N, C-alpha and C. Protein backbone atom coordinates (compact mmCIF):
# COMPACT_ATOMS: atom_id res chain seq x y z
N MET A 1 104.04 131.68 148.56
CA MET A 1 104.42 131.53 147.17
C MET A 1 105.32 130.30 147.04
N ASN A 2 104.93 129.41 146.16
CA ASN A 2 105.74 128.21 145.93
C ASN A 2 106.62 128.43 144.70
N LEU A 3 107.90 128.35 144.89
CA LEU A 3 108.85 128.50 143.79
C LEU A 3 109.40 127.14 143.42
N LYS A 4 109.33 126.83 142.15
CA LYS A 4 109.87 125.57 141.68
C LYS A 4 111.32 125.79 141.24
N PRO A 5 112.15 124.79 141.46
CA PRO A 5 113.54 124.95 141.01
C PRO A 5 113.62 124.96 139.48
N ILE A 6 114.54 125.72 138.98
CA ILE A 6 114.73 125.81 137.53
C ILE A 6 115.50 124.59 137.05
N LYS A 7 115.01 123.99 135.99
CA LYS A 7 115.73 122.86 135.41
C LYS A 7 116.85 123.40 134.53
N MET A 8 118.02 122.88 134.73
CA MET A 8 119.17 123.32 133.96
C MET A 8 119.21 122.57 132.63
N LEU A 9 119.49 123.29 131.58
CA LEU A 9 119.62 122.70 130.26
C LEU A 9 121.09 122.35 130.05
N VAL A 10 121.34 121.07 129.92
CA VAL A 10 122.71 120.60 129.73
C VAL A 10 122.96 120.49 128.24
N ILE A 11 123.93 121.24 127.78
CA ILE A 11 124.28 121.23 126.36
C ILE A 11 125.67 120.66 126.22
N ASP A 12 125.74 119.57 125.48
CA ASP A 12 127.05 118.97 125.23
C ASP A 12 127.46 119.24 123.79
N GLU A 13 128.64 118.78 123.43
CA GLU A 13 129.19 119.05 122.10
C GLU A 13 128.34 118.42 121.00
N GLU A 14 127.82 117.23 121.25
CA GLU A 14 127.01 116.55 120.24
C GLU A 14 125.70 117.30 119.97
N SER A 15 125.10 117.85 121.02
CA SER A 15 123.85 118.62 120.85
C SER A 15 124.09 119.87 120.02
N ILE A 16 125.20 120.54 120.27
CA ILE A 16 125.53 121.75 119.51
C ILE A 16 125.77 121.39 118.05
N LYS A 17 126.45 120.29 117.81
CA LYS A 17 126.73 119.85 116.44
C LYS A 17 125.43 119.56 115.70
N LYS A 18 124.52 118.84 116.33
CA LYS A 18 123.24 118.53 115.70
C LYS A 18 122.41 119.79 115.47
N ALA A 19 122.46 120.72 116.40
CA ALA A 19 121.71 121.96 116.25
C ALA A 19 122.24 122.78 115.08
N ARG A 20 123.55 122.84 114.93
CA ARG A 20 124.14 123.57 113.80
C ARG A 20 123.72 122.95 112.47
N ILE A 21 123.81 121.63 112.39
CA ILE A 21 123.44 120.95 111.15
C ILE A 21 121.96 121.16 110.85
N THR A 22 121.13 121.11 111.88
CA THR A 22 119.69 121.33 111.68
C THR A 22 119.42 122.74 111.16
N LEU A 23 120.10 123.74 111.72
CA LEU A 23 119.92 125.11 111.25
C LEU A 23 120.39 125.28 109.82
N VAL A 24 121.48 124.62 109.46
CA VAL A 24 121.97 124.68 108.08
C VAL A 24 120.94 124.06 107.14
N LEU A 25 120.37 122.92 107.53
CA LEU A 25 119.38 122.27 106.67
C LEU A 25 118.12 123.11 106.53
N ILE A 26 117.70 123.77 107.60
CA ILE A 26 116.53 124.65 107.52
C ILE A 26 116.82 125.80 106.56
N THR A 27 118.02 126.37 106.67
CA THR A 27 118.40 127.47 105.78
C THR A 27 118.42 127.02 104.33
N ILE A 28 118.97 125.84 104.07
CA ILE A 28 119.01 125.31 102.71
C ILE A 28 117.60 125.10 102.18
N ASN A 29 116.71 124.58 103.01
CA ASN A 29 115.32 124.36 102.58
C ASN A 29 114.62 125.67 102.24
N VAL A 30 114.83 126.69 103.06
CA VAL A 30 114.20 127.99 102.80
C VAL A 30 114.75 128.59 101.51
N MET A 31 116.07 128.52 101.33
CA MET A 31 116.67 129.05 100.11
C MET A 31 116.18 128.30 98.88
N ALA A 32 116.10 126.97 98.99
CA ALA A 32 115.62 126.16 97.87
C ALA A 32 114.17 126.50 97.53
N TYR A 33 113.35 126.74 98.55
CA TYR A 33 111.95 127.12 98.31
C TYR A 33 111.87 128.39 97.48
N PHE A 34 112.65 129.41 97.88
CA PHE A 34 112.60 130.67 97.15
C PHE A 34 113.20 130.54 95.76
N ILE A 35 114.29 129.79 95.62
CA ILE A 35 114.91 129.62 94.30
C ILE A 35 113.96 128.91 93.35
N ILE A 36 113.34 127.84 93.82
CA ILE A 36 112.47 127.05 92.94
C ILE A 36 111.17 127.78 92.64
N ASN A 37 110.57 128.42 93.65
CA ASN A 37 109.26 129.04 93.46
C ASN A 37 109.32 130.43 92.85
N VAL A 38 110.45 131.12 93.01
CA VAL A 38 110.55 132.44 92.42
C VAL A 38 110.94 132.34 90.95
N GLY A 39 111.60 131.28 90.58
CA GLY A 39 111.94 131.08 89.18
C GLY A 39 113.40 131.30 88.88
N LEU A 40 114.21 131.51 89.88
CA LEU A 40 115.65 131.68 89.66
C LEU A 40 116.32 130.33 89.80
N GLY A 41 116.90 129.86 88.75
CA GLY A 41 117.64 128.61 88.80
C GLY A 41 116.75 127.41 89.03
N GLN A 42 115.70 127.28 88.25
CA GLN A 42 114.79 126.16 88.44
C GLN A 42 115.38 124.83 87.98
N ASP A 43 116.56 124.88 87.35
CA ASP A 43 117.16 123.62 86.92
C ASP A 43 117.87 122.90 88.06
N TYR A 44 117.90 123.49 89.24
CA TYR A 44 118.50 122.82 90.40
C TYR A 44 117.42 122.35 91.36
N VAL A 45 117.57 121.14 91.82
CA VAL A 45 116.65 120.58 92.81
C VAL A 45 117.48 120.08 93.97
N ILE A 46 117.08 120.43 95.17
CA ILE A 46 117.76 119.93 96.35
C ILE A 46 116.91 118.82 96.95
N LEU A 47 117.48 117.65 97.04
CA LEU A 47 116.74 116.50 97.56
C LEU A 47 117.23 116.18 98.97
N LEU A 48 116.31 116.23 99.91
CA LEU A 48 116.58 115.73 101.26
C LEU A 48 115.70 114.50 101.41
N SER A 49 116.18 113.38 100.88
CA SER A 49 115.31 112.22 100.74
C SER A 49 115.15 111.43 102.02
N GLN A 50 116.14 111.48 102.89
CA GLN A 50 116.04 110.69 104.12
C GLN A 50 116.32 111.60 105.30
N ILE A 51 115.36 111.62 106.23
CA ILE A 51 115.58 112.38 107.46
C ILE A 51 115.99 111.36 108.51
N ASN A 52 117.26 111.11 108.55
CA ASN A 52 117.81 110.12 109.46
C ASN A 52 119.27 110.45 109.69
N VAL A 53 120.09 109.46 109.87
CA VAL A 53 121.51 109.68 110.15
C VAL A 53 122.19 110.42 109.02
N ASN A 54 121.78 110.17 107.78
CA ASN A 54 122.39 110.86 106.65
C ASN A 54 122.21 112.36 106.73
N VAL A 55 121.05 112.80 107.19
CA VAL A 55 120.81 114.22 107.33
C VAL A 55 121.73 114.81 108.38
N TYR A 56 121.86 114.13 109.51
CA TYR A 56 122.72 114.66 110.56
C TYR A 56 124.19 114.59 110.21
N GLU A 57 124.55 113.76 109.26
CA GLU A 57 125.93 113.76 108.78
C GLU A 57 126.15 114.83 107.73
N GLY A 58 125.10 115.54 107.40
CA GLY A 58 125.22 116.66 106.48
C GLY A 58 125.24 116.27 105.02
N GLU A 59 124.71 115.11 104.69
CA GLU A 59 124.70 114.68 103.30
C GLU A 59 123.47 115.25 102.61
N VAL A 60 123.69 116.21 101.76
CA VAL A 60 122.61 116.82 101.00
C VAL A 60 122.88 116.54 99.53
N TYR A 61 121.92 115.92 98.89
CA TYR A 61 122.11 115.54 97.49
C TYR A 61 121.53 116.61 96.58
N ARG A 62 122.36 117.04 95.63
CA ARG A 62 121.94 118.10 94.72
C ARG A 62 122.06 117.59 93.29
N LEU A 63 120.99 117.61 92.60
CA LEU A 63 120.96 117.08 91.23
C LEU A 63 120.44 118.14 90.27
N ARG A 64 120.92 118.08 89.07
CA ARG A 64 120.32 118.94 88.04
C ARG A 64 119.01 118.30 87.59
N ALA A 65 117.99 119.09 87.49
CA ALA A 65 116.67 118.57 87.16
C ALA A 65 116.65 117.97 85.75
N ASN A 66 117.48 118.48 84.87
CA ASN A 66 117.45 117.99 83.50
C ASN A 66 118.54 116.95 83.23
N SER A 67 119.15 116.40 84.27
CA SER A 67 120.21 115.42 84.06
C SER A 67 119.64 114.03 83.76
N GLY A 68 118.38 113.82 84.08
CA GLY A 68 117.75 112.54 83.79
C GLY A 68 118.02 111.48 84.83
N LEU A 69 118.57 111.85 85.98
CA LEU A 69 118.84 110.86 87.04
C LEU A 69 117.61 110.63 87.88
């Protein structure tokens, strides 16, 4: 029987920070989906326009749909 060594997963502080922010963004997207599609509070739109450094910095832009912006 040939046993391969287990690769260790190295988790540093930056990886944990990015993972937390990613989970928060996923949660916001799921909540926004239900809010917009179920009909509760359709006047709010959550825009995640850029998936880049801004997303990882936690910048989520929230606009009122009827504000005309």
